[in-house]
N, C-alpha and C. Protein backbone atom coordinates (compact mmCIF):
# COMPACT_ATOMS: atom_id res chain seq x y z
N MET A 1 5.91 -33.80 19.26
CA MET A 1 6.07 -33.90 18.47
C MET A 1 6.04 -35.28 17.59
N PRO A 2 4.28 -35.14 16.58
CA PRO A 2 3.60 -36.17 16.34
C PRO A 2 4.73 -37.51 15.58
N THR A 3 4.25 -37.79 15.66
CA THR A 3 4.99 -39.36 14.95
C THR A 3 4.99 -39.34 13.20
N PRO A 4 6.26 -39.58 12.72
CA PRO A 4 5.68 -39.65 11.68
C PRO A 4 5.68 -40.62 10.36
N GLN A 5 5.40 -40.66 8.99
CA GLN A 5 4.78 -41.12 9.12
C GLN A 5 6.15 -41.62 7.22
N ILE A 6 6.61 -43.16 7.35
CA ILE A 6 8.21 -42.96 6.85
C ILE A 6 7.80 -43.81 5.20
N ARG A 7 7.38 -42.78 4.72
CA ARG A 7 7.65 -43.91 3.01
C ARG A 7 8.28 -44.10 1.89
N ASN A 8 8.48 -44.73 1.61
CA ASN A 8 9.17 -45.89 0.34
C ASN A 8 8.83 -44.66 -1.12
N LEU A 9 9.31 -43.21 -1.76
CA LEU A 9 8.71 -43.09 -2.70
C LEU A 9 9.59 -43.43 -4.25
N GLU A 10 8.75 -43.56 -5.30
CA GLU A 10 9.38 -42.67 -6.31
C GLU A 10 9.79 -41.37 -6.40
N GLY A 11 10.18 -40.79 -6.95
CA GLY A 11 10.04 -39.70 -7.95
C GLY A 11 11.28 -39.31 -8.98
N ILE A 12 10.40 -37.55 -9.29
CA ILE A 12 11.28 -36.53 -10.00
C ILE A 12 11.42 -35.94 -9.56
N VAL A 13 12.94 -35.08 -10.11
CA VAL A 13 13.68 -34.36 -8.95
C VAL A 13 12.98 -33.07 -10.36
N LEU A 14 12.09 -32.39 -9.54
CA LEU A 14 11.89 -30.58 -10.82
C LEU A 14 12.75 -29.37 -9.72
N ARG A 15 13.04 -29.44 -8.44
CA ARG A 15 14.39 -27.81 -8.59
C ARG A 15 14.57 -28.30 -6.83
N ALA A 16 16.25 -27.99 -7.28
CA ALA A 16 16.38 -28.31 -5.32
C ALA A 16 17.65 -26.64 -5.95
N SER A 17 17.29 -26.57 -3.94
CA SER A 17 17.91 -25.00 -3.42
C SER A 17 18.61 -25.65 -2.76
N LYS A 18 18.84 -24.35 -1.79
CA LYS A 18 19.55 -24.42 -0.91
C LYS A 18 19.32 -24.40 0.73
N GLY A 19 19.57 -25.53 1.79
CA GLY A 19 18.32 -25.69 2.80
C GLY A 19 19.41 -25.39 3.76
N SER A 20 19.13 -25.21 4.36
CA SER A 20 19.40 -25.01 6.61
C SER A 20 20.86 -26.15 6.54
N GLU A 21 21.68 -25.35 6.95
CA GLU A 21 22.44 -25.98 7.59
C GLU A 21 23.26 -27.76 5.35
N GLY A 22 23.02 -26.87 5.38
CA GLY A 22 24.38 -27.21 4.85
C GLY A 22 23.23 -28.56 3.53
N GLY A 23 22.39 -27.99 3.48
CA GLY A 23 21.15 -29.14 2.60
C GLY A 23 20.62 -28.77 2.01
N ARG A 24 19.58 -29.38 1.01
CA ARG A 24 19.37 -28.39 -0.21
C ARG A 24 17.23 -28.67 0.00
N SER A 25 17.13 -28.46 -0.32
CA SER A 25 14.73 -28.34 -0.25
C SER A 25 14.51 -29.04 -1.45
N LEU A 26 14.17 -30.10 -2.18
CA LEU A 26 14.19 -30.03 -2.76
C LEU A 26 12.45 -30.02 -2.88
N SER A 27 12.12 -29.91 -4.08
CA SER A 27 10.58 -29.98 -5.47
C SER A 27 10.02 -31.61 -6.34
N LEU A 28 10.25 -31.88 -6.08
CA LEU A 28 9.61 -33.48 -6.19
C LEU A 28 8.57 -33.95 -6.76
N PHE A 29 8.02 -34.69 -7.62
CA PHE A 29 7.75 -35.14 -8.89
C PHE A 29 7.20 -36.55 -8.13
N THR A 30 6.22 -36.81 -7.26
CA THR A 30 6.58 -38.84 -7.07
C THR A 30 4.88 -39.59 -7.18
N ARG A 31 5.47 -40.23 -7.43
CA ARG A 31 4.10 -41.55 -8.44
C ARG A 31 3.37 -42.34 -7.05
N GLU A 32 3.53 -41.38 -6.00
CA GLU A 32 2.75 -41.60 -5.32
C GLU A 32 1.94 -40.68 -4.48
N MET A 33 2.27 -39.73 -4.82
CA MET A 33 2.59 -38.19 -3.51
C MET A 33 2.08 -37.22 -4.01
N GLY A 34 2.09 -37.23 -6.35
CA GLY A 34 2.65 -35.76 -6.58
C GLY A 34 3.45 -35.22 -6.16
N LEU A 35 3.09 -33.52 -6.03
CA LEU A 35 4.13 -33.54 -5.98
C LEU A 35 4.11 -33.30 -4.34
N ILE A 36 5.69 -32.50 -3.94
CA ILE A 36 5.70 -33.26 -2.69
C ILE A 36 7.35 -31.89 -2.33
N HIS A 37 7.24 -31.51 -1.23
CA HIS A 37 8.68 -31.02 -0.87
C HIS A 37 9.03 -31.31 0.27
N LEU A 38 10.74 -31.97 -0.31
CA LEU A 38 10.87 -32.69 0.98
C LEU A 38 12.37 -31.92 1.28
N THR A 39 12.79 -31.62 2.39
CA THR A 39 14.48 -31.51 3.10
C THR A 39 15.12 -32.81 3.22
N LEU A 40 16.30 -32.54 1.79
CA LEU A 40 17.68 -33.57 2.24
C LEU A 40 18.49 -33.07 2.86
N PRO A 41 18.65 -33.89 3.96
CA PRO A 41 20.44 -32.81 5.02
C PRO A 41 21.65 -33.44 4.26
N ARG A 42 22.50 -32.53 5.25
CA ARG A 42 23.23 -32.13 4.53
C ARG A 42 23.98 -33.68 4.47
N ALA A 43 24.08 -34.33 5.82
CA ALA A 43 24.69 -35.66 6.08
C ALA A 43 23.99 -36.99 5.68
N VAL A 44 23.06 -36.66 5.21
CA VAL A 44 22.01 -37.65 4.18
C VAL A 44 22.67 -37.56 2.32
N MET A 45 23.07 -36.31 1.90
CA MET A 45 23.86 -35.81 0.89
C MET A 45 24.67 -36.41 0.66
N ASN A 46 25.89 -36.57 2.12
CA ASN A 46 27.02 -36.86 2.32
C ASN A 46 27.59 -37.88 1.12
N ARG A 47 26.18 -38.83 2.28
CA ARG A 47 26.74 -40.62 2.82
C ARG A 47 25.78 -41.09 0.85
N CYS A 48 24.39 -40.41 0.46
CA CYS A 48 23.94 -40.35 -0.90
C CYS A 48 24.72 -40.29 -2.42
N GLY A 49 25.42 -38.85 -2.27
CA GLY A 49 25.28 -38.41 -3.04
C GLY A 49 25.41 -37.19 -3.82
N THR A 50 26.02 -36.22 -4.65
CA THR A 50 25.15 -35.04 -5.52
C THR A 50 24.24 -35.15 -7.08
N GLY A 51 26.17 -36.00 -7.41
CA GLY A 51 25.10 -36.39 -8.34
C GLY A 51 23.82 -36.23 -9.11
N ILE A 52 23.08 -37.13 -8.57
CA ILE A 52 21.10 -37.18 -8.72
C ILE A 52 20.60 -35.71 -8.08
N LEU A 53 20.63 -34.85 -7.95
CA LEU A 53 19.78 -33.78 -7.71
C LEU A 53 19.63 -33.14 -8.42
N LEU A 54 20.25 -33.10 -10.00
CA LEU A 54 19.60 -32.13 -11.05
C LEU A 54 17.69 -32.12 -10.95
N SER A 55 17.45 -31.83 -11.57
CA SER A 55 16.26 -31.47 -12.98
C SER A 55 15.93 -32.69 -13.80
N PHE A 56 14.91 -33.31 -13.55
CA PHE A 56 14.81 -34.26 -14.26
C PHE A 56 15.37 -36.25 -13.71
N ALA A 57 15.54 -35.47 -12.68
CA ALA A 57 16.43 -37.09 -12.23
C ALA A 57 15.82 -37.67 -11.41
N CYS A 58 15.38 -39.41 -11.61
CA CYS A 58 14.29 -40.01 -10.86
C CYS A 58 14.90 -40.30 -9.80
N VAL A 59 14.91 -40.85 -8.87
CA VAL A 59 15.34 -41.14 -7.58
C VAL A 59 14.42 -42.11 -6.53
N ARG A 60 14.32 -43.14 -6.67
CA ARG A 60 14.06 -43.56 -5.26
C ARG A 60 14.51 -43.23 -3.45
N LEU A 61 13.49 -43.13 -3.22
CA LEU A 61 13.71 -42.48 -1.58
C LEU A 61 13.44 -42.89 -0.63
N SER A 62 13.37 -43.15 0.86
CA SER A 62 12.85 -43.15 2.02
C SER A 62 12.85 -42.12 2.46
N ALA A 63 11.15 -41.67 3.39
CA ALA A 63 11.23 -39.91 4.13
C ALA A 63 10.30 -40.62 5.10
N ALA A 64 10.60 -39.71 5.66
CA ALA A 64 9.81 -38.66 7.97
C ALA A 64 8.90 -38.01 6.68
N ILE A 65 7.20 -38.16 6.41
CA ILE A 65 6.70 -37.48 6.37
C ILE A 65 6.12 -36.76 7.47
N TYR A 66 6.26 -35.65 8.27
CA TYR A 66 5.54 -35.19 8.95
C TYR A 66 4.15 -33.84 8.14
N PRO A 67 3.43 -33.81 9.48
CA PRO A 67 1.97 -33.38 8.70
C PRO A 67 2.33 -31.93 7.60
N GLU A 68 3.95 -30.96 8.68
CA GLU A 68 3.74 -29.93 7.37
C GLU A 68 4.94 -29.34 6.73
N TYR A 69 5.83 -31.17 6.72
CA TYR A 69 7.19 -31.41 6.38
C TYR A 69 7.50 -32.63 5.43
N GLY A 70 8.28 -33.14 4.95
CA GLY A 70 9.02 -34.27 4.82
C GLY A 70 10.58 -34.07 4.91
N VAL A 71 11.70 -35.27 5.21
CA VAL A 71 12.71 -35.14 5.50
C VAL A 71 13.27 -36.63 4.78
N ILE A 72 13.73 -36.26 4.06
CA ILE A 72 14.33 -38.09 2.80
C ILE A 72 15.74 -38.32 4.33
N SER A 73 15.66 -40.02 4.06
CA SER A 73 16.47 -40.01 5.02
C SER A 73 17.77 -41.05 3.73
N GLN A 74 17.11 -41.54 3.06
CA GLN A 74 18.48 -42.00 2.12
C GLN A 74 18.02 -41.79 0.48
N TYR A 75 18.16 -42.40 -0.30
CA TYR A 75 18.64 -41.94 -1.23
C TYR A 75 19.29 -42.22 -2.48
N GLU A 76 18.60 -42.76 -3.71
CA GLU A 76 19.32 -42.95 -5.27
C GLU A 76 18.39 -42.95 -6.24
N GLY A 77 19.35 -43.18 -7.57
CA GLY A 77 18.38 -42.23 -8.64
C GLY A 77 19.96 -42.30 -9.87
N ARG A 78 19.18 -41.95 -10.60
CA ARG A 78 18.95 -42.05 -12.87
C ARG A 78 19.61 -40.45 -13.13
N LEU A 79 20.62 -38.98 -13.27
CA LEU A 79 19.78 -38.34 -15.21
C LEU A 79 18.19 -39.44 -16.09
N LEU A 80 18.23 -38.99 -15.52
CA LEU A 80 16.83 -38.83 -17.05
C LEU A 80 16.84 -38.31 -18.23
N PHE A 81 17.74 -37.44 -18.31
CA PHE A 81 18.52 -36.57 -20.12
C PHE A 81 18.96 -35.65 -18.81
N ASP A 82 20.10 -35.02 -18.98
CA ASP A 82 20.65 -33.76 -18.62
C ASP A 82 20.82 -32.87 -18.81
N MET A 83 19.98 -32.38 -18.45
CA MET A 83 19.32 -30.38 -19.07
C MET A 83 20.76 -29.15 -19.16
N MET A 84 21.55 -29.95 -17.95
CA MET A 84 22.58 -29.08 -18.12
C MET A 84 23.57 -28.85 -19.85
N LYS A 85 23.68 -30.39 -20.49
CA LYS A 85 23.44 -30.11 -21.47
C LYS A 85 23.06 -28.87 -22.60
N LEU A 86 21.95 -28.63 -22.49
CA LEU A 86 21.45 -28.53 -23.71
C LEU A 86 21.84 -26.92 -23.58
N SER A 87 21.24 -26.17 -24.97
CA SER A 87 21.68 -24.70 -25.51
C SER A 87 21.34 -23.80 -24.29
N TYR A 88 21.40 -22.75 -23.55
CA TYR A 88 20.47 -21.89 -23.02
C TYR A 88 19.12 -21.67 -23.25
N GLU A 89 18.70 -21.37 -24.79
CA GLU A 89 16.99 -21.95 -24.88
C GLU A 89 16.50 -22.11 -24.54
N ASP A 90 17.19 -24.08 -25.21
CA ASP A 90 16.45 -25.28 -24.68
C ASP A 90 15.82 -25.71 -23.17
N MET A 91 17.70 -25.32 -22.99
CA MET A 91 17.23 -25.14 -21.23
C MET A 91 15.97 -24.83 -20.39
N THR A 92 15.29 -23.50 -21.02
CA THR A 92 14.31 -22.64 -20.17
C THR A 92 13.19 -22.74 -20.51
N CYS A 93 12.85 -23.74 -21.53
CA CYS A 93 12.03 -23.77 -21.90
C CYS A 93 11.14 -25.29 -21.02
N TRP A 94 11.95 -25.90 -20.68
CA TRP A 94 12.26 -27.20 -19.07
C TRP A 94 12.04 -26.90 -18.24
N TYR A 95 12.63 -25.37 -17.84
CA TYR A 95 12.39 -24.39 -16.82
C TYR A 95 10.61 -23.86 -16.69
N TYR A 96 10.61 -23.56 -18.33
CA TYR A 96 8.98 -23.28 -18.40
C TYR A 96 7.62 -24.94 -17.63
N VAL A 97 8.16 -25.82 -18.24
CA VAL A 97 7.89 -26.97 -18.10
C VAL A 97 7.96 -26.99 -16.36
N ILE A 98 8.95 -27.16 -15.43
CA ILE A 98 9.15 -27.64 -14.32
C ILE A 98 7.86 -26.45 -14.03
N GLU A 99 7.99 -24.36 -14.20
CA GLU A 99 7.63 -23.71 -12.97
C GLU A 99 5.89 -23.96 -13.37
N LEU A 100 5.26 -24.40 -15.05
CA LEU A 100 3.99 -24.92 -15.31
C LEU A 100 3.54 -26.33 -13.47
N VAL A 101 4.53 -27.09 -14.12
CA VAL A 101 3.93 -27.91 -12.80
C VAL A 101 3.46 -27.41 -11.15
N LEU A 102 4.68 -26.94 -11.49
CA LEU A 102 5.20 -26.01 -9.89
C LEU A 102 3.49 -25.20 -9.48
N ALA A 103 3.37 -24.35 -10.50
CA ALA A 103 2.25 -24.21 -10.30
C ALA A 103 0.83 -24.02 -10.55
N LEU A 104 0.40 -25.56 -11.54
CA LEU A 104 -0.59 -25.89 -11.33
C LEU A 104 -0.80 -27.55 -10.94
N TYR A 105 0.07 -27.27 -9.28
CA TYR A 105 -0.56 -29.09 -9.41
C TYR A 105 -0.05 -28.42 -7.86
N PRO A 106 -1.21 -29.25 -7.02
CA PRO A 106 -1.77 -29.51 -5.76
C PRO A 106 -0.60 -30.46 -5.43
N VAL A 107 -0.53 -29.63 -4.21
CA VAL A 107 1.14 -30.23 -3.06
C VAL A 107 0.44 -31.65 -2.63
N GLY A 108 1.01 -33.15 -1.99
CA GLY A 108 0.42 -34.12 -2.42
C GLY A 108 -0.25 -34.80 -2.77
N GLN A 109 -1.31 -34.70 -3.77
CA GLN A 109 -1.75 -35.28 -4.43
C GLN A 109 -1.73 -36.46 -5.56
N LYS A 110 -1.73 -37.16 -5.51
CA LYS A 110 -0.99 -38.05 -6.58
C LYS A 110 -2.50 -38.46 -7.97
N GLU A 111 -1.11 -37.95 -9.00
CA GLU A 111 -1.72 -37.59 -10.10
C GLU A 111 -1.08 -38.56 -10.97
N ASP A 112 -1.53 -39.74 -11.31
CA ASP A 112 -0.66 -40.81 -12.37
C ASP A 112 -0.28 -39.71 -13.73
N GLU A 113 -1.41 -39.17 -14.24
CA GLU A 113 -1.40 -39.01 -15.54
C GLU A 113 -0.47 -37.47 -15.67
N ALA A 114 -0.19 -36.71 -14.24
CA ALA A 114 0.74 -36.43 -14.69
C ALA A 114 2.94 -36.38 -14.76
N TYR A 115 2.29 -37.05 -13.53
CA TYR A 115 3.39 -38.97 -13.85
C TYR A 115 4.68 -39.07 -14.71
N ASP A 116 3.66 -39.97 -15.24
CA ASP A 116 3.46 -40.14 -17.09
C ASP A 116 4.11 -39.42 -17.77
N ILE A 117 3.33 -38.44 -17.54
CA ILE A 117 3.88 -37.89 -19.03
C ILE A 117 5.14 -36.73 -18.48
N LEU A 118 6.11 -36.12 -17.38
CA LEU A 118 6.87 -36.21 -16.56
C LEU A 118 8.44 -37.33 -17.12
N MET A 119 7.75 -38.29 -16.64
CA MET A 119 8.28 -39.67 -17.28
C MET A 119 9.71 -39.68 -18.95
N ALA A 120 7.41 -39.44 -19.04
CA ALA A 120 7.77 -40.15 -21.39
C ALA A 120 8.64 -39.21 -21.53
N ALA A 121 8.43 -37.16 -21.13
CA ALA A 121 9.26 -36.56 -21.87
C ALA A 121 10.70 -36.49 -21.79
N ALA A 122 10.91 -37.08 -20.06
CA ALA A 122 11.86 -36.80 -20.00
C ALA A 122 13.24 -38.24 -20.60
N ARG A 123 12.42 -39.04 -20.85
CA ARG A 123 13.47 -39.58 -21.50
C ARG A 123 13.10 -39.17 -23.25
N ALA A 124 12.04 -38.94 -24.09
CA ALA A 124 12.54 -38.95 -24.89
C ALA A 124 13.39 -37.07 -25.88
N ALA A 125 13.36 -36.81 -24.67
CA ALA A 125 14.30 -35.32 -24.39
C ALA A 125 15.58 -35.67 -24.91
N GLU A 126 16.07 -37.29 -24.94
CA GLU A 126 17.56 -37.97 -25.27
C GLU A 126 17.47 -37.60 -26.53
N GLU A 127 16.06 -38.22 -27.20
CA GLU A 127 16.22 -38.61 -28.83
C GLU A 127 15.94 -37.67 -29.65
N ARG A 128 14.93 -36.26 -28.91
CA ARG A 128 13.95 -35.70 -29.82
C ARG A 128 14.27 -34.83 -29.99
N ASN A 129 13.80 -33.87 -30.71
CA ASN A 129 14.54 -32.05 -30.50
C ASN A 129 13.52 -31.98 -28.93
N PRO A 130 14.73 -31.50 -28.14
CA PRO A 130 14.01 -31.41 -26.75
C PRO A 130 12.90 -29.71 -26.37
N ARG A 131 13.01 -28.78 -27.26
CA ARG A 131 12.70 -27.75 -26.82
C ARG A 131 10.83 -28.77 -28.02
N VAL A 132 11.03 -28.64 -28.67
CA VAL A 132 9.44 -29.27 -28.83
C VAL A 132 8.59 -30.25 -28.26
N ILE A 133 9.71 -31.19 -27.40
CA ILE A 133 9.12 -32.04 -26.67
C ILE A 133 9.07 -31.71 -25.07
N ALA A 134 9.54 -30.38 -24.73
CA ALA A 134 8.40 -29.70 -23.30
C ALA A 134 7.67 -29.37 -23.87
N PHE A 135 7.54 -28.70 -25.39
CA PHE A 135 6.28 -27.43 -25.34
C PHE A 135 4.51 -29.06 -25.33
N ILE A 136 5.15 -29.78 -25.89
CA ILE A 136 4.33 -30.89 -26.18
C ILE A 136 3.44 -31.68 -24.43
N ALA A 137 4.81 -31.63 -23.95
CA ALA A 137 4.88 -31.68 -22.28
C ALA A 137 3.89 -31.02 -22.02
N SER A 138 4.03 -29.79 -22.34
CA SER A 138 3.50 -28.30 -21.25
C SER A 138 1.97 -28.33 -21.23
N VAL A 139 1.77 -28.87 -22.50
CA VAL A 139 0.65 -28.52 -23.22
C VAL A 139 -0.92 -29.84 -22.66
N LYS A 140 -0.06 -31.29 -22.63
CA LYS A 140 -1.00 -32.15 -21.74
C LYS A 140 -0.33 -31.93 -20.47
N LEU A 141 0.43 -31.30 -19.94
CA LEU A 141 0.60 -31.37 -18.34
C LEU A 141 -0.59 -30.16 -17.99
N LEU A 142 -1.14 -29.38 -18.74
CA LEU A 142 -2.02 -28.43 -19.18
C LEU A 142 -3.47 -29.35 -19.19
N ALA A 143 -3.87 -30.29 -19.71
CA ALA A 143 -4.48 -31.10 -20.30
C ALA A 143 -4.90 -31.95 -19.01
N ALA A 144 -4.06 -32.64 -18.42
CA ALA A 144 -3.98 -33.31 -17.27
C ALA A 144 -4.61 -32.28 -15.75
N ALA A 145 -4.22 -31.19 -15.96
CA ALA A 145 -4.45 -30.53 -14.71
C ALA A 145 -5.78 -29.64 -14.50
N GLY A 146 -6.71 -29.85 -15.72
CA GLY A 146 -8.08 -30.06 -15.79
C GLY A 146 -8.57 -28.36 -17.09
N TYR A 147 -7.04 -28.71 -17.00
CA TYR A 147 -6.75 -27.17 -18.14
C TYR A 147 -6.49 -27.29 -19.88
N ASP A 148 -7.86 -28.20 -20.64
CA ASP A 148 -6.67 -28.34 -21.84
C ASP A 148 -7.57 -27.56 -23.03
N PRO A 149 -5.65 -27.09 -23.22
CA PRO A 149 -5.60 -25.80 -23.88
C PRO A 149 -6.29 -26.28 -25.81
N THR A 150 -6.35 -27.32 -26.32
CA THR A 150 -7.48 -27.25 -26.96
C THR A 150 -9.18 -26.68 -26.92
N GLU A 151 -9.18 -26.61 -26.07
CA GLU A 151 -10.84 -27.20 -25.33
C GLU A 151 -11.50 -25.88 -25.60
N ALA A 152 -10.60 -25.03 -24.38
CA ALA A 152 -10.86 -24.25 -24.13
C ALA A 152 -10.64 -22.77 -25.63
N ILE A 153 -10.80 -23.18 -26.02
CA ILE A 153 -10.38 -21.78 -27.57
C ILE A 153 -11.57 -21.18 -27.49
N GLU A 154 -12.24 -19.98 -27.29
CA GLU A 154 -13.28 -19.29 -26.53
C GLU A 154 -12.75 -18.24 -27.85
N ASP A 155 -12.19 -18.53 -28.33
CA ASP A 155 -11.82 -16.99 -29.49
C ASP A 155 -12.32 -17.78 -30.82
N PRO A 156 -12.46 -17.67 -32.21
CA PRO A 156 -12.29 -19.01 -32.98
C PRO A 156 -10.96 -18.26 -34.07
N THR A 157 -10.84 -16.73 -33.98
CA THR A 157 -9.91 -15.88 -34.61
C THR A 157 -8.13 -16.07 -33.35
N ALA A 158 -7.87 -16.81 -32.16
CA ALA A 158 -7.20 -16.50 -31.20
C ALA A 158 -6.41 -17.17 -32.02
N LEU A 159 -6.70 -18.22 -32.70
CA LEU A 159 -5.36 -19.06 -33.68
C LEU A 159 -5.85 -19.48 -34.71
N SER A 160 -4.35 -19.15 -35.34
CA SER A 160 -5.48 -19.59 -37.38
C SER A 160 -5.69 -21.02 -38.09
N GLU A 161 -6.04 -21.31 -38.42
CA GLU A 161 -6.74 -23.12 -38.44
C GLU A 161 -5.37 -23.78 -38.43
N GLY A 162 -4.06 -23.89 -39.22
CA GLY A 162 -3.22 -24.09 -39.25
C GLY A 162 -2.08 -24.22 -37.72
N ALA A 163 -2.38 -23.84 -36.71
CA ALA A 163 -1.22 -23.63 -35.23
C ALA A 163 -2.85 -24.40 -34.39
N ARG A 164 -4.57 -24.43 -34.89
CA ARG A 164 -5.09 -25.10 -33.65
C ARG A 164 -4.76 -26.64 -34.57
N ASP A 165 -4.38 -26.89 -35.60
CA ASP A 165 -4.01 -28.42 -35.95
C ASP A 165 -3.02 -28.36 -35.50
N LEU A 166 -1.87 -27.22 -34.88
CA LEU A 166 -0.77 -28.34 -35.33
C LEU A 166 -0.98 -28.41 -33.05
N LEU A 167 -1.65 -27.52 -32.58
CA LEU A 167 -1.56 -27.52 -30.99
C LEU A 167 -2.76 -28.85 -30.85
N CYS A 168 -3.67 -29.18 -31.96
CA CYS A 168 -3.52 -30.27 -31.05
C CYS A 168 -3.76 -31.82 -31.43
N ARG A 169 -2.36 -31.46 -32.47
CA ARG A 169 -1.88 -32.73 -33.32
C ARG A 169 -0.46 -33.48 -31.60
N PHE A 170 -0.53 -31.90 -31.10
CA PHE A 170 0.82 -32.01 -29.70
C PHE A 170 0.53 -32.50 -28.93
N ARG A 171 -1.22 -32.26 -28.80
CA ARG A 171 -2.41 -32.57 -27.50
C ARG A 171 -2.34 -34.03 -27.53
N GLY A 172 -2.38 -35.25 -28.90
CA GLY A 172 -2.98 -35.76 -29.38
C GLY A 172 -1.23 -36.97 -29.45
N TYR A 173 -0.01 -35.97 -29.59
CA TYR A 173 1.27 -37.33 -29.94
C TYR A 173 1.30 -38.64 -28.40
N ARG A 174 1.60 -39.62 -29.23
CA ARG A 174 1.87 -40.47 -28.53
C ARG A 174 3.59 -41.39 -28.51
N TRP A 175 3.12 -40.73 -26.24
CA TRP A 175 4.89 -40.79 -26.46
C TRP A 175 5.93 -42.65 -27.23
N GLY A 176 6.63 -41.83 -27.85
CA GLY A 176 7.68 -43.23 -28.41
C GLY A 176 7.66 -42.76 -30.19
N SER A 177 6.32 -42.73 -29.85
CA SER A 177 5.36 -42.24 -32.04
C SER A 177 6.90 -41.72 -32.76
N HIS A 178 5.99 -41.40 -33.77
CA HIS A 178 6.54 -41.02 -35.07
C HIS A 178 5.93 -39.53 -35.25
N PHE A 179 6.02 -38.48 -34.83
CA PHE A 179 5.42 -37.40 -35.08
C PHE A 179 4.30 -36.40 -35.96
N GLU A 180 3.41 -37.23 -36.41
CA GLU A 180 2.94 -37.27 -38.09
C GLU A 180 3.18 -34.59 -38.38
N GLY A 181 3.38 -35.52 -39.85
CA GLY A 181 3.36 -33.72 -39.82
C GLY A 181 4.56 -32.95 -39.88
N SER A 182 5.16 -32.30 -40.59
CA SER A 182 6.16 -30.86 -40.11
C SER A 182 5.80 -29.79 -39.22
N ILE A 183 5.89 -28.83 -38.52
CA ILE A 183 6.53 -28.83 -37.88
C ILE A 183 6.51 -27.06 -38.62
N SER A 184 6.03 -26.03 -38.56
CA SER A 184 6.36 -25.50 -39.30
C SER A 184 7.34 -24.53 -37.65
N ARG A 185 7.52 -23.90 -38.01
CA ARG A 185 8.13 -22.30 -37.04
C ARG A 185 7.30 -21.00 -37.15
N ALA A 186 6.87 -20.92 -37.82
CA ALA A 186 6.18 -19.96 -38.16
C ALA A 186 4.50 -20.34 -36.72
N LEU A 187 4.00 -21.00 -37.03
CA LEU A 187 2.73 -22.09 -36.87
C LEU A 187 2.91 -22.31 -34.62
N PHE A 188 5.00 -22.75 -35.14
CA PHE A 188 4.90 -22.66 -33.49
C PHE A 188 4.74 -22.06 -32.91
N THR A 189 5.78 -20.56 -33.48
CA THR A 189 5.44 -19.73 -32.62
C THR A 189 4.21 -19.25 -32.55
N GLU A 190 3.63 -19.19 -33.21
CA GLU A 190 2.04 -19.08 -32.67
C GLU A 190 1.13 -19.60 -31.49
N CYS A 191 1.67 -20.65 -31.42
CA CYS A 191 1.48 -21.81 -30.87
C CYS A 191 1.60 -21.59 -29.77
N ALA A 192 3.33 -21.28 -29.25
CA ALA A 192 3.55 -20.99 -28.38
C ALA A 192 3.28 -19.79 -27.59
N ARG A 193 2.41 -18.47 -28.26
CA ARG A 193 2.20 -17.56 -27.92
C ARG A 193 0.66 -17.78 -27.29
N TYR A 194 0.14 -17.95 -27.48
CA TYR A 194 -1.35 -18.69 -27.08
C TYR A 194 -1.59 -19.30 -25.78
N LEU A 195 -0.09 -20.69 -26.14
CA LEU A 195 -0.07 -21.33 -24.95
C LEU A 195 0.34 -20.22 -23.65
N ASP A 196 0.91 -19.12 -23.34
CA ASP A 196 1.83 -17.47 -22.44
C ASP A 196 0.19 -16.53 -22.46
N HIS A 197 -0.61 -17.14 -23.23
CA HIS A 197 -1.62 -16.38 -23.36
C HIS A 197 -2.38 -16.64 -22.04
N PHE A 198 -2.94 -18.11 -22.83
CA PHE A 198 -3.56 -19.06 -22.06
C PHE A 198 -2.94 -19.25 -20.29
N LEU A 199 -1.94 -19.52 -20.15
CA LEU A 199 -1.71 -19.75 -19.05
C LEU A 199 -2.12 -18.37 -17.51
N SER A 200 -2.22 -16.83 -18.58
CA SER A 200 -2.30 -16.30 -17.45
C SER A 200 -3.67 -15.88 -17.90
N THR A 201 -4.96 -15.54 -18.90
CA THR A 201 -5.71 -15.48 -18.72
C THR A 201 -6.91 -16.82 -17.83
N VAL A 202 -6.78 -17.69 -18.86
CA VAL A 202 -7.73 -19.59 -17.61
C VAL A 202 -6.65 -20.07 -16.75
N CYS A 203 -6.02 -19.95 -15.94
CA CYS A 203 -4.71 -20.60 -15.70
C CYS A 203 -4.38 -19.75 -14.46
N ASP A 204 -4.81 -18.39 -14.96
CA ASP A 204 -4.58 -16.97 -14.22
C ASP A 204 -3.17 -17.03 -13.18
N THR A 205 -2.00 -17.74 -14.42
CA THR A 205 -0.83 -17.73 -13.76
C THR A 205 0.58 -17.10 -15.02
N GLU A 206 0.70 -16.28 -14.13
CA GLU A 206 1.36 -15.69 -14.77
C GLU A 206 3.65 -16.38 -14.47
N MET A 207 3.63 -16.79 -15.77
CA MET A 207 5.12 -17.22 -15.89
C MET A 207 5.78 -16.47 -16.38
N LYS A 208 7.25 -17.24 -14.94
CA LYS A 208 8.56 -15.81 -14.77
C LYS A 208 9.31 -16.24 -15.53
N THR A 209 8.60 -17.23 -17.27
CA THR A 209 9.15 -18.24 -18.56
C THR A 209 8.90 -17.35 -19.57
N ALA A 210 7.84 -16.84 -19.13
CA ALA A 210 7.10 -16.56 -20.57
C ALA A 210 7.82 -15.84 -21.65
N GLY A 211 7.36 -17.01 -22.77
CA GLY A 211 8.12 -16.56 -23.86
C GLY A 211 8.90 -17.24 -23.91
N ALA A 212 9.12 -17.83 -23.68
CA ALA A 212 10.53 -19.23 -23.23
C ALA A 212 10.31 -20.36 -25.34
N PHE A 213 9.44 -20.10 -26.02
CA PHE A 213 9.75 -21.08 -26.69
C PHE A 213 9.48 -20.35 -28.23
N LEU A 214 9.10 -19.25 -27.51
CA LEU A 214 8.85 -18.15 -28.88
C LEU A 214 10.22 -17.82 -29.51
């Protein structure tokens, strides 16, 4: 067996699922390694607690990293915001964000911009409209992955002028600032339909959560 690399990481939990022998399998987006998948043994989970194993918890952890997998030895953290308090419709929008990251970002590749977007969006969701924040995060994450939806509109008729302007304002939004202008429901829906289509045609990604923002 190869000698593991011991790493101290800071990351955002995206997804936790049942693992072997009562443990968990975690998908995280870390500052140091980007997207990674780690095993959390039951013994470590019992020692460190399960309260922060929800999506969008920020955790600091130590892990033994092998070529094909990694095992967490200890962790601590806190929730950036509690998805469980959202309505079903708003919660689905955040699962859209998670699915987008898992689909478009390669495992083990450091992505500072994407990490900062996820962190800022999760913090903003505590105080602002969580559905709009999730959509802004999706637009920004697409652009950070090299698929800027505001620059790849080949068909000028794909979006109305108002929807195109709104999409560009989402793309350029600065976290923590006031969003300039109003958000028309009709234009937001038009942008949401376009983003689903963009992911399907440009990114070749069929989202299970497609339609979440409609």
